[in-house]
Amino acid sequence: MDRFHLKRIYEPYAIEDGYRVLIDRLWPRGISKDAAHLADWAKGVAPSNELRQWFGHDPNKFLDFREKYLNELHTDIIKINKIAELHRLAHIMPVTLVFAAKDSIHNHAVILKEELERVTK
């Protein structure tokens, strides 16, 4: 059973999403809080502003971005605590990591999900 799922905020809400957590630092454009159907907005687990701005969603920088973001996930206490909380929740219900990026392959949500699954194994 997959405990963690990814979903763009612009995709429709589904009851199967379970615990929906927005993992972006910035609120997505054009989405109301009611329409988002979120249980949580975990800004602290998102990449730092500096890293986010440096990456700029450039697929050519993705491998370096991945390494730098993983370093943040392993060293930032706010990120470490949120990951632990998401693990606890995933034992109770599905957890859907909600993000706004257009590129569904080269983004921090993919990295975070892989890290959550790696630590769960």
PDB file of N, CA and C in Angstrom:
ATOM      1  N   MET A   1       0.828  -1.188   0.000  1.00  0.00           N
ATOM      2  CA  MET A   1       0.000   0.000   0.000  1.00  0.00           C
ATOM      3  C   MET A   1       0.875   1.255   0.000  1.00  0.00           C
ATOM      4  N   ASP A   2       0.633   2.117  -0.958  1.00  0.00           N
ATOM      5  CA  ASP A   2       1.360   3.385  -1.003  1.00  0.00           C
ATOM      6  C   ASP A   2       0.839   4.310   0.081  1.00  0.00           C
ATOM      7  N   ARG A   3       1.736   4.811   0.867  1.00  0.00           N
ATOM      8  CA  ARG A   3       1.336   5.709   1.951  1.00  0.00           C
ATOM      9  C   ARG A   3       1.369   7.168   1.520  1.00  0.00           C
ATOM     10  N   PHE A   4       2.239   7.494   0.573  1.00  0.00           N
ATOM     11  CA  PHE A   4       2.424   8.873   0.138  1.00  0.00           C
ATOM     12  C   PHE A   4       2.063   9.007  -1.334  1.00  0.00           C
ATOM     13  N   HIS A   5       1.351  10.085  -1.640  1.00  0.00           N
ATOM     14  CA  HIS A   5       0.916  10.352  -3.006  1.00  0.00           C
ATOM     15  C   HIS A   5       1.261  11.787  -3.364  1.00  0.00           C
ATOM     16  N   LEU A   6       1.367  12.051  -4.650  1.00  0.00           N
ATOM     17  CA  LEU A   6       1.598  13.403  -5.150  1.00  0.00           C
ATOM     18  C   LEU A   6       0.381  13.849  -5.935  1.00  0.00           C
ATOM     19  N   LYS A   7       0.081  15.141  -5.824  1.00  0.00           N
ATOM     20  CA  LYS A   7      -1.050  15.679  -6.580  1.00  0.00           C
ATOM     21  C   LYS A   7      -0.859  17.182  -6.757  1.00  0.00           C
ATOM     22  N   ARG A   8      -1.053  17.640  -7.989  1.00  0.00           N
ATOM     23  CA  ARG A   8      -1.027  19.086  -8.218  1.00  0.00           C
ATOM     24  C   ARG A   8      -2.262  19.703  -7.569  1.00  0.00           C
ATOM     25  N   ILE A   9      -2.113  20.867  -7.024  1.00  0.00           N
ATOM     26  CA  ILE A   9      -3.217  21.549  -6.355  1.00  0.00           C
ATOM     27  C   ILE A   9      -4.361  21.834  -7.324  1.00  0.00           C
ATOM     28  N   TYR A  10      -4.060  21.879  -8.616  1.00  0.00           N
ATOM     29  CA  TYR A  10      -5.071  22.180  -9.628  1.00  0.00           C
ATOM     30  C   TYR A  10      -5.880  20.945 -10.034  1.00  0.00           C
ATOM     31  N   GLU A  11      -5.476  19.769  -9.560  1.00  0.00           N
ATOM     32  CA  GLU A  11      -6.251  18.556  -9.804  1.00  0.00           C
ATOM     33  C   GLU A  11      -7.386  18.504  -8.782  1.00  0.00           C
ATOM     34  N   PRO A  12      -8.512  17.890  -9.155  1.00  0.00           N
ATOM     35  CA  PRO A  12      -9.651  17.867  -8.229  1.00  0.00           C
ATOM     36  C   PRO A  12      -9.361  17.075  -6.957  1.00  0.00           C
ATOM     37  N   TYR A  13      -9.923  17.555  -5.872  1.00  0.00           N
ATOM     38  CA  TYR A  13      -9.876  16.874  -4.586  1.00  0.00           C
ATOM     39  C   TYR A  13     -10.616  15.535  -4.684  1.00  0.00           C
ATOM     40  N   ALA A  14     -10.094  14.538  -3.979  1.00  0.00           N
ATOM     41  CA  ALA A  14     -10.765  13.233  -3.889  1.00  0.00           C
ATOM     42  C   ALA A  14     -10.677  12.759  -2.442  1.00  0.00           C
ATOM     43  N   ILE A  15     -11.703  12.115  -1.977  1.00  0.00           N
ATOM     44  CA  ILE A  15     -11.736  11.612  -0.597  1.00  0.00           C
ATOM     45  C   ILE A  15     -10.563  10.670  -0.341  1.00  0.00           C
ATOM     46  N   GLU A  16     -10.123   9.957  -1.389  1.00  0.00           N
ATOM     47  CA  GLU A  16      -9.005   9.016  -1.272  1.00  0.00           C
ATOM     48  C   GLU A  16      -7.667   9.710  -0.997  1.00  0.00           C
ATOM     49  N   ASP A  17      -7.631  11.034  -1.170  1.00  0.00           N
ATOM     50  CA  ASP A  17      -6.391  11.774  -0.914  1.00  0.00           C
ATOM     51  C   ASP A  17      -5.960  11.656   0.544  1.00  0.00           C
ATOM     52  N   GLY A  18      -6.903  11.412   1.427  1.00  0.00           N
ATOM     53  CA  GLY A  18      -6.558  11.326   2.839  1.00  0.00           C
ATOM     54  C   GLY A  18      -6.125  12.677   3.382  1.00  0.00           C
ATOM     55  N   TYR A  19      -4.974  12.696   4.035  1.00  0.00           N
ATOM     56  CA  TYR A  19      -4.422  13.913   4.631  1.00  0.00           C
ATOM     57  C   TYR A  19      -3.723  14.702   3.530  1.00  0.00           C
ATOM     58  N   ARG A  20      -4.317  15.822   3.137  1.00  0.00           N
ATOM     59  CA  ARG A  20      -3.754  16.660   2.066  1.00  0.00           C
ATOM     60  C   ARG A  20      -2.918  17.775   2.682  1.00  0.00           C
ATOM     61  N   VAL A  21      -1.649  17.811   2.299  1.00  0.00           N
ATOM     62  CA  VAL A  21      -0.745  18.819   2.841  1.00  0.00           C
ATOM     63  C   VAL A  21      -0.052  19.550   1.690  1.00  0.00           C
ATOM     64  N   LEU A  22      -0.215  20.868   1.668  1.00  0.00           N
ATOM     65  CA  LEU A  22       0.472  21.706   0.693  1.00  0.00           C
ATOM     66  C   LEU A  22       1.916  21.834   1.145  1.00  0.00           C
ATOM     67  N   ILE A  23       2.845  21.513   0.258  1.00  0.00           N
ATOM     68  CA  ILE A  23       4.263  21.513   0.624  1.00  0.00           C
ATOM     69  C   ILE A  23       5.042  22.611  -0.094  1.00  0.00           C
ATOM     70  N   ASP A  24       4.339  23.614  -0.594  1.00  0.00           N
ATOM     71  CA  ASP A  24       4.971  24.764  -1.243  1.00  0.00           C
ATOM     72  C   ASP A  24       5.123  25.907  -0.240  1.00  0.00           C
ATOM     73  N   ARG A  25       6.162  26.695  -0.420  1.00  0.00           N
ATOM     74  CA  ARG A  25       6.394  27.854   0.449  1.00  0.00           C
ATOM     75  C   ARG A  25       5.409  28.980   0.121  1.00  0.00           C
ATOM     76  N   LEU A  26       5.032  29.094  -1.158  1.00  0.00           N
ATOM     77  CA  LEU A  26       4.122  30.153  -1.594  1.00  0.00           C
ATOM     78  C   LEU A  26       2.757  29.565  -1.901  1.00  0.00           C
ATOM     79  N   TRP A  27       1.693  30.329  -1.610  1.00  0.00           N
ATOM     80  CA  TRP A  27       0.338  29.877  -1.918  1.00  0.00           C
ATOM     81  C   TRP A  27       0.150  29.876  -3.435  1.00  0.00           C
ATOM     82  N   PRO A  28      -0.430  28.803  -3.992  1.00  0.00           N
ATOM     83  CA  PRO A  28      -0.618  28.713  -5.446  1.00  0.00           C
ATOM     84  C   PRO A  28      -1.632  29.731  -5.972  1.00  0.00           C
ATOM     85  N   ARG A  29      -1.337  30.275  -7.125  1.00  0.00           N
ATOM     86  CA  ARG A  29      -2.205  31.277  -7.750  1.00  0.00           C
ATOM     87  C   ARG A  29      -3.531  30.659  -8.163  1.00  0.00           C
ATOM     88  N   GLY A  30      -4.590  31.440  -7.976  1.00  0.00           N
ATOM     89  CA  GLY A  30      -5.892  31.064  -8.477  1.00  0.00           C
ATOM     90  C   GLY A  30      -6.628  30.001  -7.692  1.00  0.00           C
ATOM     91  N   ILE A  31      -6.138  29.643  -6.521  1.00  0.00           N
ATOM     92  CA  ILE A  31      -6.774  28.603  -5.702  1.00  0.00           C
ATOM     93  C   ILE A  31      -7.228  29.219  -4.383  1.00  0.00           C
ATOM     94  N   SER A  32      -8.498  29.038  -4.066  1.00  0.00           N
ATOM     95  CA  SER A  32      -8.994  29.520  -2.772  1.00  0.00           C
ATOM     96  C   SER A  32      -8.679  28.467  -1.708  1.00  0.00           C
ATOM     97  N   LYS A  33      -8.652  28.889  -0.475  1.00  0.00           N
ATOM     98  CA  LYS A  33      -8.376  27.944   0.610  1.00  0.00           C
ATOM     99  C   LYS A  33      -9.462  26.879   0.696  1.00  0.00           C
ATOM    100  N   ASP A  34     -10.698  27.253   0.441  1.00  0.00           N
ATOM    101  CA  ASP A  34     -11.784  26.271   0.457  1.00  0.00           C
ATOM    102  C   ASP A  34     -11.607  25.240  -0.660  1.00  0.00           C
ATOM    103  N   ALA A  35     -11.269  25.695  -1.845  1.00  0.00           N
ATOM    104  CA  ALA A  35     -11.114  24.790  -2.992  1.00  0.00           C
ATOM    105  C   ALA A  35      -9.922  23.852  -2.824  1.00  0.00           C
ATOM    106  N   ALA A  36      -8.948  24.253  -2.025  1.00  0.00           N
ATOM    107  CA  ALA A  36      -7.734  23.445  -1.849  1.00  0.00           C
ATOM    108  C   ALA A  36      -7.981  22.183  -1.028  1.00  0.00           C
ATOM    109  N   HIS A  37      -8.960  22.201  -0.134  1.00  0.00           N
ATOM    110  CA  HIS A  37      -9.266  21.034   0.715  1.00  0.00           C
ATOM    111  C   HIS A  37      -8.025  20.535   1.441  1.00  0.00           C
ATOM    112  N   LEU A  38      -7.320  21.428   2.090  1.00  0.00           N
ATOM    113  CA  LEU A  38      -6.074  21.054   2.759  1.00  0.00           C
ATOM    114  C   LEU A  38      -6.279  20.803   4.246  1.00  0.00           C
ATOM    115  N   ALA A  39      -5.538  19.828   4.768  1.00  0.00           N
ATOM    116  CA  ALA A  39      -5.476  19.599   6.204  1.00  0.00           C
ATOM    117  C   ALA A  39      -4.349  20.427   6.815  1.00  0.00           C
ATOM    118  N   ASP A  40      -3.345  20.768   5.989  1.00  0.00           N
ATOM    119  CA  ASP A  40      -2.160  21.448   6.505  1.00  0.00           C
ATOM    120  C   ASP A  40      -1.463  22.168   5.359  1.00  0.00           C
ATOM    121  N   TRP A  41      -0.758  23.231   5.712  1.00  0.00           N
ATOM    122  CA  TRP A  41       0.131  23.924   4.780  1.00  0.00           C
ATOM    123  C   TRP A  41       1.499  23.904   5.422  1.00  0.00           C
ATOM    124  N   ALA A  42       2.359  23.019   4.955  1.00  0.00           N
ATOM    125  CA  ALA A  42       3.674  22.796   5.551  1.00  0.00           C
ATOM    126  C   ALA A  42       4.745  23.587   4.802  1.00  0.00           C
ATOM    127  N   LYS A  43       4.725  24.897   4.966  1.00  0.00           N
ATOM    128  CA  LYS A  43       5.706  25.765   4.305  1.00  0.00           C
ATOM    129  C   LYS A  43       7.135  25.375   4.677  1.00  0.00           C
ATOM    130  N   GLY A  44       7.301  24.958   5.925  1.00  0.00           N
ATOM    131  CA  GLY A  44       8.635  24.689   6.447  1.00  0.00           C
ATOM    132  C   GLY A  44       9.351  23.524   5.798  1.00  0.00           C
ATOM    133  N   VAL A  45       8.613  22.612   5.155  1.00  0.00           N
ATOM    134  CA  VAL A  45       9.250  21.465   4.515  1.00  0.00           C
ATOM    135  C   VAL A  45       9.662  21.778   3.071  1.00  0.00           C
ATOM    136  N   ALA A  46       9.193  22.902   2.565  1.00  0.00           N
ATOM    137  CA  ALA A  46       9.543  23.321   1.198  1.00  0.00           C
ATOM    138  C   ALA A  46      11.013  23.745   1.152  1.00  0.00           C
ATOM    139  N   PRO A  47      11.588  23.767  -0.028  1.00  0.00           N
ATOM    140  CA  PRO A  47      12.966  24.271  -0.149  1.00  0.00           C
ATOM    141  C   PRO A  47      13.055  25.715   0.363  1.00  0.00           C
ATOM    142  N   SER A  48      14.204  26.068   0.869  1.00  0.00           N
ATOM    143  CA  SER A  48      14.431  27.438   1.330  1.00  0.00           C
ATOM    144  C   SER A  48      14.182  28.410   0.171  1.00  0.00           C
ATOM    145  N   ASN A  49      13.892  29.661   0.516  1.00  0.00           N
ATOM    146  CA  ASN A  49      13.685  30.675  -0.528  1.00  0.00           C
ATOM    147  C   ASN A  49      14.888  30.774  -1.451  1.00  0.00           C
ATOM    148  N   GLU A  50      16.075  30.735  -0.863  1.00  0.00           N
ATOM    149  CA  GLU A  50      17.293  30.848  -1.663  1.00  0.00           C
ATOM    150  C   GLU A  50      17.409  29.697  -2.656  1.00  0.00           C
ATOM    151  N   LEU A  51      17.157  28.480  -2.184  1.00  0.00           N
ATOM    152  CA  LEU A  51      17.256  27.308  -3.057  1.00  0.00           C
ATOM    153  C   LEU A  51      16.159  27.329  -4.112  1.00  0.00           C
ATOM    154  N   ARG A  52      14.955  27.677  -3.720  1.00  0.00           N
ATOM    155  CA  ARG A  52      13.833  27.739  -4.658  1.00  0.00           C
ATOM    156  C   ARG A  52      14.116  28.744  -5.774  1.00  0.00           C
ATOM    157  N   GLN A  53      14.604  29.920  -5.401  1.00  0.00           N
ATOM    158  CA  GLN A  53      14.896  30.950  -6.398  1.00  0.00           C
ATOM    159  C   GLN A  53      16.066  30.550  -7.291  1.00  0.00           C
ATOM    160  N   TRP A  54      17.084  29.916  -6.714  1.00  0.00           N
ATOM    161  CA  TRP A  54      18.225  29.467  -7.516  1.00  0.00           C
ATOM    162  C   TRP A  54      17.774  28.431  -8.552  1.00  0.00           C
ATOM    163  N   PHE A  55      16.954  27.476  -8.141  1.00  0.00           N
ATOM    164  CA  PHE A  55      16.488  26.407  -9.033  1.00  0.00           C
ATOM    165  C   PHE A  55      15.609  26.963 -10.142  1.00  0.00           C
ATOM    166  N   GLY A  56      14.647  27.773  -9.798  1.00  0.00           N
ATOM    167  CA  GLY A  56      13.788  28.396 -10.790  1.00  0.00           C
ATOM    168  C   GLY A  56      13.097  27.414 -11.728  1.00  0.00           C
ATOM    169  N   HIS A  57      12.869  26.193 -11.283  1.00  0.00           N
ATOM    170  CA  HIS A  57      12.217  25.136 -12.079  1.00  0.00           C
ATOM    171  C   HIS A  57      12.961  24.831 -13.377  1.00  0.00           C
ATOM    172  N   ASP A  58      14.287  24.985 -13.351  1.00  0.00           N
ATOM    173  CA  ASP A  58      15.120  24.683 -14.516  1.00  0.00           C
ATOM    174  C   ASP A  58      15.509  23.202 -14.472  1.00  0.00           C
ATOM    175  N   PRO A  59      14.977  22.377 -15.394  1.00  0.00           N
ATOM    176  CA  PRO A  59      15.284  20.943 -15.384  1.00  0.00           C
ATOM    177  C   PRO A  59      16.781  20.642 -15.462  1.00  0.00           C
ATOM    178  N   ASN A  60      17.552  21.549 -16.056  1.00  0.00           N
ATOM    179  CA  ASN A  60      19.000  21.344 -16.158  1.00  0.00           C
ATOM    180  C   ASN A  60      19.698  21.442 -14.800  1.00  0.00           C
ATOM    181  N   LYS A  61      19.054  22.082 -13.841  1.00  0.00           N
ATOM    182  CA  LYS A  61      19.620  22.225 -12.497  1.00  0.00           C
ATOM    183  C   LYS A  61      19.064  21.182 -11.533  1.00  0.00           C
ATOM    184  N   PHE A  62      18.197  20.286 -12.017  1.00  0.00           N
ATOM    185  CA  PHE A  62      17.463  19.413 -11.115  1.00  0.00           C
ATOM    186  C   PHE A  62      18.355  18.511 -10.271  1.00  0.00           C
ATOM    187  N   LEU A  63      19.379  17.917 -10.848  1.00  0.00           N
ATOM    188  CA  LEU A  63      20.236  17.015 -10.064  1.00  0.00           C
ATOM    189  C   LEU A  63      20.944  17.760  -8.932  1.00  0.00           C
ATOM    190  N   ASP A  64      21.441  18.956  -9.220  1.00  0.00           N
ATOM    191  CA  ASP A  64      22.065  19.762  -8.163  1.00  0.00           C
ATOM    192  C   ASP A  64      21.021  20.213  -7.149  1.00  0.00           C
ATOM    193  N   PHE A  65      19.841  20.597  -7.641  1.00  0.00           N
ATOM    194  CA  PHE A  65      18.753  20.992  -6.754  1.00  0.00           C
ATOM    195  C   PHE A  65      18.394  19.849  -5.824  1.00  0.00           C
ATOM    196  N   ARG A  66      18.301  18.648  -6.365  1.00  0.00           N
ATOM    197  CA  ARG A  66      17.960  17.463  -5.583  1.00  0.00           C
ATOM    198  C   ARG A  66      18.942  17.280  -4.419  1.00  0.00           C
ATOM    199  N   GLU A  67      20.217  17.357  -4.732  1.00  0.00           N
ATOM    200  CA  GLU A  67      21.258  17.182  -3.716  1.00  0.00           C
ATOM    201  C   GLU A  67      21.149  18.258  -2.626  1.00  0.00           C
ATOM    202  N   LYS A  68      20.952  19.501  -3.051  1.00  0.00           N
ATOM    203  CA  LYS A  68      20.866  20.605  -2.089  1.00  0.00           C
ATOM    204  C   LYS A  68      19.596  20.505  -1.243  1.00  0.00           C
ATOM    205  N   TYR A  69      18.478  20.114  -1.861  1.00  0.00           N
ATOM    206  CA  TYR A  69      17.229  19.989  -1.119  1.00  0.00           C
ATOM    207  C   TYR A  69      17.301  18.821  -0.134  1.00  0.00           C
ATOM    208  N   LEU A  70      17.880  17.705  -0.549  1.00  0.00           N
ATOM    209  CA  LEU A  70      18.053  16.577   0.370  1.00  0.00           C
ATOM    210  C   LEU A  70      18.905  16.996   1.567  1.00  0.00           C
ATOM    211  N   ASN A  71      19.935  17.801   1.319  1.00  0.00           N
ATOM    212  CA  ASN A  71      20.759  18.306   2.421  1.00  0.00           C
ATOM    213  C   ASN A  71      19.910  19.132   3.387  1.00  0.00           C
ATOM    214  N   GLU A  72      19.023  19.976   2.847  1.00  0.00           N
ATOM    215  CA  GLU A  72      18.131  20.745   3.719  1.00  0.00           C
ATOM    216  C   GLU A  72      17.206  19.811   4.506  1.00  0.00           C
ATOM    217  N   LEU A  73      16.672  18.794   3.841  1.00  0.00           N
ATOM    218  CA  LEU A  73      15.764  17.864   4.517  1.00  0.00           C
ATOM    219  C   LEU A  73      16.452  17.129   5.669  1.00  0.00           C
ATOM    220  N   HIS A  74      17.748  16.896   5.543  1.00  0.00           N
ATOM    221  CA  HIS A  74      18.493  16.140   6.558  1.00  0.00           C
ATOM    222  C   HIS A  74      19.082  17.013   7.659  1.00  0.00           C
ATOM    223  N   THR A  75      19.125  18.343   7.444  1.00  0.00           N
ATOM    224  CA  THR A  75      19.813  19.196   8.419  1.00  0.00           C
ATOM    225  C   THR A  75      18.927  20.266   9.056  1.00  0.00           C
ATOM    226  N   ASP A  76      17.793  20.575   8.466  1.00  0.00           N
ATOM    227  CA  ASP A  76      16.899  21.613   8.987  1.00  0.00           C
ATOM    228  C   ASP A  76      15.910  20.982   9.966  1.00  0.00           C
ATOM    229  N   ILE A  77      15.915  21.423  11.203  1.00  0.00           N
ATOM    230  CA  ILE A  77      15.097  20.795  12.246  1.00  0.00           C
ATOM    231  C   ILE A  77      13.605  20.914  11.955  1.00  0.00           C
ATOM    232  N   ILE A  78      13.177  21.995  11.361  1.00  0.00           N
ATOM    233  CA  ILE A  78      11.759  22.145  11.012  1.00  0.00           C
ATOM    234  C   ILE A  78      11.367  21.093   9.979  1.00  0.00           C
ATOM    235  N   LYS A  79      12.221  20.884   8.987  1.00  0.00           N
ATOM    236  CA  LYS A  79      11.954  19.881   7.957  1.00  0.00           C
ATOM    237  C   LYS A  79      11.999  18.465   8.553  1.00  0.00           C
ATOM    238  N   ILE A  80      12.955  18.214   9.410  1.00  0.00           N
ATOM    239  CA  ILE A  80      13.088  16.899  10.055  1.00  0.00           C
ATOM    240  C   ILE A  80      11.832  16.590  10.877  1.00  0.00           C
ATOM    241  N   ASN A  81      11.358  17.566  11.645  1.00  0.00           N
ATOM    242  CA  ASN A  81      10.160  17.361  12.464  1.00  0.00           C
ATOM    243  C   ASN A  81       8.913  17.141  11.611  1.00  0.00           C
ATOM    244  N   LYS A  82       8.781  17.866  10.512  1.00  0.00           N
ATOM    245  CA  LYS A  82       7.609  17.699   9.646  1.00  0.00           C
ATOM    246  C   LYS A  82       7.632  16.333   8.977  1.00  0.00           C
ATOM    247  N   ILE A  83       8.799  15.874   8.571  1.00  0.00           N
ATOM    248  CA  ILE A  83       8.915  14.537   7.972  1.00  0.00           C
ATOM    249  C   ILE A  83       8.484  13.476   8.986  1.00  0.00           C
ATOM    250  N   ALA A  84       8.909  13.625  10.224  1.00  0.00           N
ATOM    251  CA  ALA A  84       8.506  12.675  11.269  1.00  0.00           C
ATOM    252  C   ALA A  84       6.987  12.701  11.461  1.00  0.00           C
ATOM    253  N   GLU A  85       6.396  13.884  11.448  1.00  0.00           N
ATOM    254  CA  GLU A  85       4.948  14.010  11.588  1.00  0.00           C
ATOM    255  C   GLU A  85       4.228  13.339  10.411  1.00  0.00           C
ATOM    256  N   LEU A  86       4.714  13.546   9.207  1.00  0.00           N
ATOM    257  CA  LEU A  86       4.089  12.933   8.028  1.00  0.00           C
ATOM    258  C   LEU A  86       4.190  11.408   8.079  1.00  0.00           C
ATOM    259  N   HIS A  87       5.292  10.893   8.593  1.00  0.00           N
ATOM    260  CA  HIS A  87       5.423   9.444   8.769  1.00  0.00           C
ATOM    261  C   HIS A  87       4.382   8.911   9.745  1.00  0.00           C
ATOM    262  N   ARG A  88       4.194   9.607  10.854  1.00  0.00           N
ATOM    263  CA  ARG A  88       3.188   9.175  11.831  1.00  0.00           C
ATOM    264  C   ARG A  88       1.797   9.171  11.199  1.00  0.00           C
ATOM    265  N   LEU A  89       1.468  10.214  10.474  1.00  0.00           N
ATOM    266  CA  LEU A  89       0.159  10.299   9.830  1.00  0.00           C
ATOM    267  C   LEU A  89      -0.039   9.202   8.785  1.00  0.00           C
ATOM    268  N   ALA A  90       1.027   8.864   8.072  1.00  0.00           N
ATOM    269  CA  ALA A  90       0.934   7.865   7.003  1.00  0.00           C
ATOM    270  C   ALA A  90       0.619   6.475   7.534  1.00  0.00           C
ATOM    271  N   HIS A  91       0.834   6.253   8.815  1.00  0.00           N
ATOM    272  CA  HIS A  91       0.455   4.970   9.414  1.00  0.00           C
ATOM    273  C   HIS A  91      -1.036   4.910   9.716  1.00  0.00           C
ATOM    274  N   ILE A  92      -1.693   6.054   9.689  1.00  0.00           N
ATOM    275  CA  ILE A  92      -3.119   6.147   9.997  1.00  0.00           C
ATOM    276  C   ILE A  92      -3.959   6.271   8.728  1.00  0.00           C
ATOM    277  N   MET A  93      -3.448   7.033   7.756  1.00  0.00           N
ATOM    278  CA  MET A  93      -4.206   7.319   6.536  1.00  0.00           C
ATOM    279  C   MET A  93      -3.249   7.668   5.402  1.00  0.00           C
ATOM    280  N   PRO A  94      -3.748   7.654   4.166  1.00  0.00           N
ATOM    281  CA  PRO A  94      -2.892   8.112   3.061  1.00  0.00           C
ATOM    282  C   PRO A  94      -2.527   9.585   3.265  1.00  0.00           C
ATOM    283  N   VAL A  95      -1.341   9.952   2.813  1.00  0.00           N
ATOM    284  CA  VAL A  95      -0.878  11.337   2.865  1.00  0.00           C
ATOM    285  C   VAL A  95      -0.623  11.781   1.429  1.00  0.00           C
ATOM    286  N   THR A  96      -1.286  12.864   1.026  1.00  0.00           N
ATOM    287  CA  THR A  96      -1.102  13.401  -0.311  1.00  0.00           C
ATOM    288  C   THR A  96      -0.325  14.700  -0.215  1.00  0.00           C
ATOM    289  N   LEU A  97       0.842  14.700  -0.847  1.00  0.00           N
ATOM    290  CA  LEU A  97       1.691  15.887  -0.909  1.00  0.00           C
ATOM    291  C   LEU A  97       1.191  16.731  -2.074  1.00  0.00           C
ATOM    292  N   VAL A  98       0.684  17.902  -1.773  1.00  0.00           N
ATOM    293  CA  VAL A  98       0.076  18.766  -2.771  1.00  0.00           C
ATOM    294  C   VAL A  98       1.073  19.867  -3.138  1.00  0.00           C
ATOM    295  N   PHE A  99       1.229  20.095  -4.444  1.00  0.00           N
ATOM    296  CA  PHE A  99       2.189  21.079  -4.936  1.00  0.00           C
ATOM    297  C   PHE A  99       1.605  21.799  -6.142  1.00  0.00           C
ATOM    298  N   ALA A 100       2.225  22.902  -6.553  1.00  0.00           N
ATOM    299  CA  ALA A 100       1.700  23.697  -7.663  1.00  0.00           C
ATOM    300  C   ALA A 100       2.535  23.618  -8.933  1.00  0.00           C
ATOM    301  N   ALA A 101       3.749  23.141  -8.872  1.00  0.00           N
ATOM    302  CA  ALA A 101       4.637  23.151 -10.036  1.00  0.00           C
ATOM    303  C   ALA A 101       4.000  22.497 -11.258  1.00  0.00           C
ATOM    304  N   LYS A 102       4.228  23.111 -12.427  1.00  0.00           N
ATOM    305  CA  LYS A 102       3.700  22.563 -13.683  1.00  0.00           C
ATOM    306  C   LYS A 102       4.441  21.291 -14.083  1.00  0.00           C
ATOM    307  N   ASP A 103       5.739  21.276 -13.854  1.00  0.00           N
ATOM    308  CA  ASP A 103       6.573  20.119 -14.203  1.00  0.00           C
ATOM    309  C   ASP A 103       6.419  19.071 -13.101  1.00  0.00           C
ATOM    310  N   SER A 104       5.782  17.963 -13.438  1.00  0.00           N
ATOM    311  CA  SER A 104       5.501  16.937 -12.424  1.00  0.00           C
ATOM    312  C   SER A 104       6.673  15.986 -12.184  1.00  0.00           C
ATOM    313  N   ILE A 105       7.779  16.206 -12.879  1.00  0.00           N
ATOM    314  CA  ILE A 105       8.953  15.344 -12.718  1.00  0.00           C
ATOM    315  C   ILE A 105      10.093  16.076 -12.004  1.00  0.00           C
ATOM    316  N   HIS A 106      10.323  17.324 -12.379  1.00  0.00           N
ATOM    317  CA  HIS A 106      11.444  18.101 -11.850  1.00  0.00           C
ATOM    318  C   HIS A 106      10.939  19.105 -10.818  1.00  0.00           C
ATOM    319  N   ASN A 107      10.594  18.608  -9.623  1.00  0.00           N
ATOM    320  CA  ASN A 107      10.127  19.498  -8.564  1.00  0.00           C
ATOM    321  C   ASN A 107      10.445  18.899  -7.198  1.00  0.00           C
ATOM    322  N   HIS A 108      10.325  19.710  -6.183  1.00  0.00           N
ATOM    323  CA  HIS A 108      10.681  19.272  -4.827  1.00  0.00           C
ATOM    324  C   HIS A 108       9.725  18.221  -4.283  1.00  0.00           C
ATOM    325  N   ALA A 109       8.482  18.196  -4.753  1.00  0.00           N
ATOM    326  CA  ALA A 109       7.517  17.210  -4.260  1.00  0.00           C
ATOM    327  C   ALA A 109       7.978  15.790  -4.578  1.00  0.00           C
ATOM    328  N   VAL A 110       8.526  15.599  -5.762  1.00  0.00           N
ATOM    329  CA  VAL A 110       9.032  14.281  -6.168  1.00  0.00           C
ATOM    330  C   VAL A 110      10.149  13.843  -5.224  1.00  0.00           C
ATOM    331  N   ILE A 111      11.042  14.764  -4.921  1.00  0.00           N
ATOM    332  CA  ILE A 111      12.177  14.465  -4.041  1.00  0.00           C
ATOM    333  C   ILE A 111      11.684  14.159  -2.627  1.00  0.00           C
ATOM    334  N   LEU A 112      10.771  14.968  -2.137  1.00  0.00           N
ATOM    335  CA  LEU A 112      10.247  14.759  -0.786  1.00  0.00           C
ATOM    336  C   LEU A 112       9.531  13.416  -0.676  1.00  0.00           C
ATOM    337  N   LYS A 113       8.728  13.076  -1.656  1.00  0.00           N
ATOM    338  CA  LYS A 113       8.021  11.785  -1.638  1.00  0.00           C
ATOM    339  C   LYS A 113       9.018  10.627  -1.629  1.00  0.00           C
ATOM    340  N   GLU A 114      10.022  10.702  -2.493  1.00  0.00           N
ATOM    341  CA  GLU A 114      11.041   9.647  -2.522  1.00  0.00           C
ATOM    342  C   GLU A 114      11.747   9.528  -1.173  1.00  0.00           C
ATOM    343  N   GLU A 115      12.042  10.653  -0.557  1.00  0.00           N
ATOM    344  CA  GLU A 115      12.712  10.637   0.747  1.00  0.00           C
ATOM    345  C   GLU A 115      11.795  10.049   1.818  1.00  0.00           C
ATOM    346  N   LEU A 116      10.539  10.421   1.812  1.00  0.00           N
ATOM    347  CA  LEU A 116       9.576   9.861   2.771  1.00  0.00           C
ATOM    348  C   LEU A 116       9.460   8.338   2.596  1.00  0.00           C
ATOM    349  N   GLU A 117       9.406   7.888   1.357  1.00  0.00           N
ATOM    350  CA  GLU A 117       9.311   6.456   1.095  1.00  0.00           C
ATOM    351  C   GLU A 117      10.607   5.736   1.444  1.00  0.00           C
ATOM    352  N   ARG A 118      11.737   6.377   1.198  1.00  0.00           N
ATOM    353  CA  ARG A 118      13.037   5.751   1.529  1.00  0.00           C
ATOM    354  C   ARG A 118      13.153   5.543   3.025  1.00  0.00           C
ATOM    355  N   VAL A 119      12.771   6.532   3.792  1.00  0.00           N
ATOM    356  CA  VAL A 119      12.881   6.453   5.240  1.00  0.00           C
ATOM    357  C   VAL A 119      11.868   5.474   5.812  1.00  0.00           C
ATOM    358  N   THR A 120      10.731   5.307   5.146  1.00  0.00           N
ATOM    359  CA  THR A 120       9.695   4.399   5.620  1.00  0.00           C
ATOM    360  C   THR A 120      10.092   2.940   5.474  1.00  0.00           C
ATOM    361  N   LYS A 121      10.906   2.626   4.469  1.00  0.00           N
ATOM    362  CA  LYS A 121      11.272   1.228   4.198  1.00  0.00           C
ATOM    363  C   LYS A 121      12.151   0.647   5.270  1.00  0.00           C
TER     364      LYS A 121
END
